[in-house]
Amino acid sequence: MKKMDSQDSSPVHNPHSVDEARNQTTMTPKNRFPWATIIIVLILILIVGTIILLAQA
């Protein structure tokens, strides 16, 4: 009986779990995007800062 339960809970056989997986995949980028933009902005600031320091030297 446990093997049947594990097959029924798999996302391939259960459309509801597929929808939940899609919702989770759509929710994860929202959590990752702010971190990516913050990291990109910090890297750009560091690059611009080093260019300014090298130009002054």
N, C-alpha and C. Protein backbone atom coordinates (compact mmCIF):
# COMPACT_ATOMS: atom_id res chain seq x y z
N MET A 1 0.83 -1.20 0.00
CA MET A 1 0.00 0.00 0.00
C MET A 1 0.87 1.26 0.00
N LYS A 2 2.04 1.21 0.65
CA LYS A 2 2.87 2.41 0.70
C LYS A 2 3.42 2.75 -0.68
N LYS A 3 3.70 1.72 -1.49
CA LYS A 3 4.20 2.01 -2.83
C LYS A 3 3.14 2.72 -3.66
N MET A 4 1.89 2.31 -3.51
CA MET A 4 0.81 2.97 -4.23
C MET A 4 0.67 4.43 -3.79
N ASP A 5 0.82 4.69 -2.50
CA ASP A 5 0.70 6.06 -2.00
C ASP A 5 1.83 6.93 -2.56
N SER A 6 3.04 6.37 -2.64
CA SER A 6 4.14 7.16 -3.16
C SER A 6 3.93 7.46 -4.65
N GLN A 7 3.35 6.51 -5.39
CA GLN A 7 3.08 6.77 -6.80
C GLN A 7 1.97 7.81 -6.97
N ASP A 8 0.95 7.74 -6.10
CA ASP A 8 -0.14 8.70 -6.21
C ASP A 8 0.32 10.11 -5.85
N SER A 9 1.30 10.22 -4.94
CA SER A 9 1.77 11.53 -4.52
C SER A 9 2.78 12.12 -5.51
N SER A 10 3.23 11.33 -6.50
CA SER A 10 4.20 11.85 -7.45
C SER A 10 3.54 12.89 -8.35
N PRO A 11 4.28 13.95 -8.75
CA PRO A 11 3.67 15.02 -9.54
C PRO A 11 3.19 14.57 -10.91
N VAL A 12 3.72 13.44 -11.42
CA VAL A 12 3.31 12.99 -12.76
C VAL A 12 1.87 12.51 -12.74
N HIS A 13 1.48 11.81 -11.67
CA HIS A 13 0.14 11.24 -11.61
C HIS A 13 -0.87 12.21 -11.02
N ASN A 14 -0.41 13.18 -10.26
CA ASN A 14 -1.33 14.08 -9.56
C ASN A 14 -1.25 15.48 -10.16
N PRO A 15 -2.29 15.95 -10.86
CA PRO A 15 -2.22 17.28 -11.49
C PRO A 15 -2.14 18.40 -10.46
N HIS A 16 -2.71 18.20 -9.26
CA HIS A 16 -2.67 19.26 -8.25
C HIS A 16 -1.24 19.52 -7.80
N SER A 17 -0.46 18.46 -7.62
CA SER A 17 0.92 18.66 -7.20
C SER A 17 1.72 19.32 -8.32
N VAL A 18 1.36 19.08 -9.58
CA VAL A 18 2.04 19.76 -10.70
C VAL A 18 1.77 21.25 -10.63
N ASP A 19 0.51 21.62 -10.34
CA ASP A 19 0.18 23.04 -10.21
C ASP A 19 0.93 23.65 -9.03
N GLU A 20 1.04 22.91 -7.93
CA GLU A 20 1.77 23.43 -6.78
C GLU A 20 3.24 23.60 -7.12
N ALA A 21 3.80 22.66 -7.88
CA ALA A 21 5.20 22.78 -8.27
C ALA A 21 5.40 23.99 -9.18
N ARG A 22 4.44 24.23 -10.09
CA ARG A 22 4.56 25.41 -10.95
C ARG A 22 4.46 26.69 -10.13
N ASN A 23 3.58 26.71 -9.14
CA ASN A 23 3.46 27.89 -8.29
C ASN A 23 4.75 28.12 -7.51
N GLN A 24 5.38 27.04 -7.05
CA GLN A 24 6.64 27.19 -6.32
C GLN A 24 7.73 27.70 -7.25
N THR A 25 7.76 27.23 -8.49
CA THR A 25 8.79 27.69 -9.41
C THR A 25 8.56 29.15 -9.77
N THR A 26 7.29 29.60 -9.80
CA THR A 26 7.04 31.01 -10.10
C THR A 26 7.33 31.88 -8.88
N MET A 27 7.21 31.32 -7.68
CA MET A 27 7.46 32.11 -6.47
C MET A 27 8.96 32.25 -6.20
N THR A 28 9.77 31.27 -6.56
CA THR A 28 11.19 31.33 -6.22
C THR A 28 11.92 32.46 -6.95
N PRO A 29 11.65 32.76 -8.24
CA PRO A 29 12.36 33.88 -8.86
C PRO A 29 12.07 35.21 -8.17
N LYS A 30 10.85 35.38 -7.63
CA LYS A 30 10.53 36.63 -6.94
C LYS A 30 11.44 36.80 -5.72
N ASN A 31 11.80 35.70 -5.07
CA ASN A 31 12.69 35.80 -3.93
C ASN A 31 14.14 35.98 -4.38
N ARG A 32 14.48 35.48 -5.54
CA ARG A 32 15.87 35.56 -6.01
C ARG A 32 16.16 36.89 -6.71
N PHE A 33 15.17 37.49 -7.38
CA PHE A 33 15.45 38.69 -8.16
C PHE A 33 15.99 39.85 -7.33
N PRO A 34 15.42 40.15 -6.16
CA PRO A 34 16.00 41.26 -5.39
C PRO A 34 17.46 41.02 -5.04
N TRP A 35 17.81 39.78 -4.67
CA TRP A 35 19.21 39.49 -4.36
C TRP A 35 20.08 39.68 -5.59
N ALA A 36 19.61 39.25 -6.74
CA ALA A 36 20.41 39.38 -7.97
C ALA A 36 20.63 40.85 -8.29
N THR A 37 19.57 41.66 -8.19
CA THR A 37 19.71 43.08 -8.52
C THR A 37 20.64 43.77 -7.52
N ILE A 38 20.53 43.42 -6.25
CA ILE A 38 21.40 44.03 -5.24
C ILE A 38 22.86 43.67 -5.52
N ILE A 39 23.11 42.40 -5.85
CA ILE A 39 24.49 41.98 -6.13
C ILE A 39 25.01 42.68 -7.38
N ILE A 40 24.19 42.78 -8.42
CA ILE A 40 24.61 43.44 -9.67
C ILE A 40 24.92 44.91 -9.40
N VAL A 41 24.06 45.58 -8.63
CA VAL A 41 24.29 47.00 -8.33
C VAL A 41 25.58 47.17 -7.54
N LEU A 42 25.82 46.30 -6.57
CA LEU A 42 27.06 46.40 -5.78
C LEU A 42 28.28 46.18 -6.67
N ILE A 43 28.20 45.22 -7.59
CA ILE A 43 29.34 44.97 -8.48
C ILE A 43 29.58 46.17 -9.38
N LEU A 44 28.51 46.76 -9.91
CA LEU A 44 28.67 47.94 -10.76
C LEU A 44 29.29 49.09 -9.97
N ILE A 45 28.86 49.28 -8.72
CA ILE A 45 29.43 50.35 -7.90
C ILE A 45 30.92 50.10 -7.67
N LEU A 46 31.28 48.84 -7.40
CA LEU A 46 32.69 48.53 -7.19
C LEU A 46 33.50 48.78 -8.47
N ILE A 47 32.96 48.40 -9.62
CA ILE A 47 33.68 48.61 -10.88
C ILE A 47 33.86 50.10 -11.14
N VAL A 48 32.78 50.88 -10.97
CA VAL A 48 32.88 52.33 -11.20
C VAL A 48 33.84 52.95 -10.21
N GLY A 49 33.80 52.49 -8.96
CA GLY A 49 34.71 53.03 -7.95
C GLY A 49 36.16 52.75 -8.29
N THR A 50 36.46 51.55 -8.74
CA THR A 50 37.85 51.22 -9.10
C THR A 50 38.30 52.03 -10.31
N ILE A 51 37.40 52.24 -11.27
CA ILE A 51 37.75 53.04 -12.45
C ILE A 51 38.07 54.47 -12.03
N ILE A 52 37.26 55.03 -11.12
CA ILE A 52 37.51 56.40 -10.67
C ILE A 52 38.83 56.48 -9.91
N LEU A 53 39.10 55.50 -9.06
CA LEU A 53 40.36 55.51 -8.31
C LEU A 53 41.55 55.36 -9.25
N LEU A 54 41.43 54.51 -10.26
CA LEU A 54 42.54 54.33 -11.21
C LEU A 54 42.72 55.59 -12.05
N ALA A 55 41.64 56.29 -12.37
CA ALA A 55 41.74 57.51 -13.17
C ALA A 55 42.42 58.62 -12.36
N GLN A 56 42.16 58.66 -11.07
CA GLN A 56 42.78 59.69 -10.24
C GLN A 56 44.26 59.40 -10.00
N ALA A 57 44.64 58.14 -9.98
CA ALA A 57 46.03 57.79 -9.65
C ALA A 57 46.99 58.23 -10.74
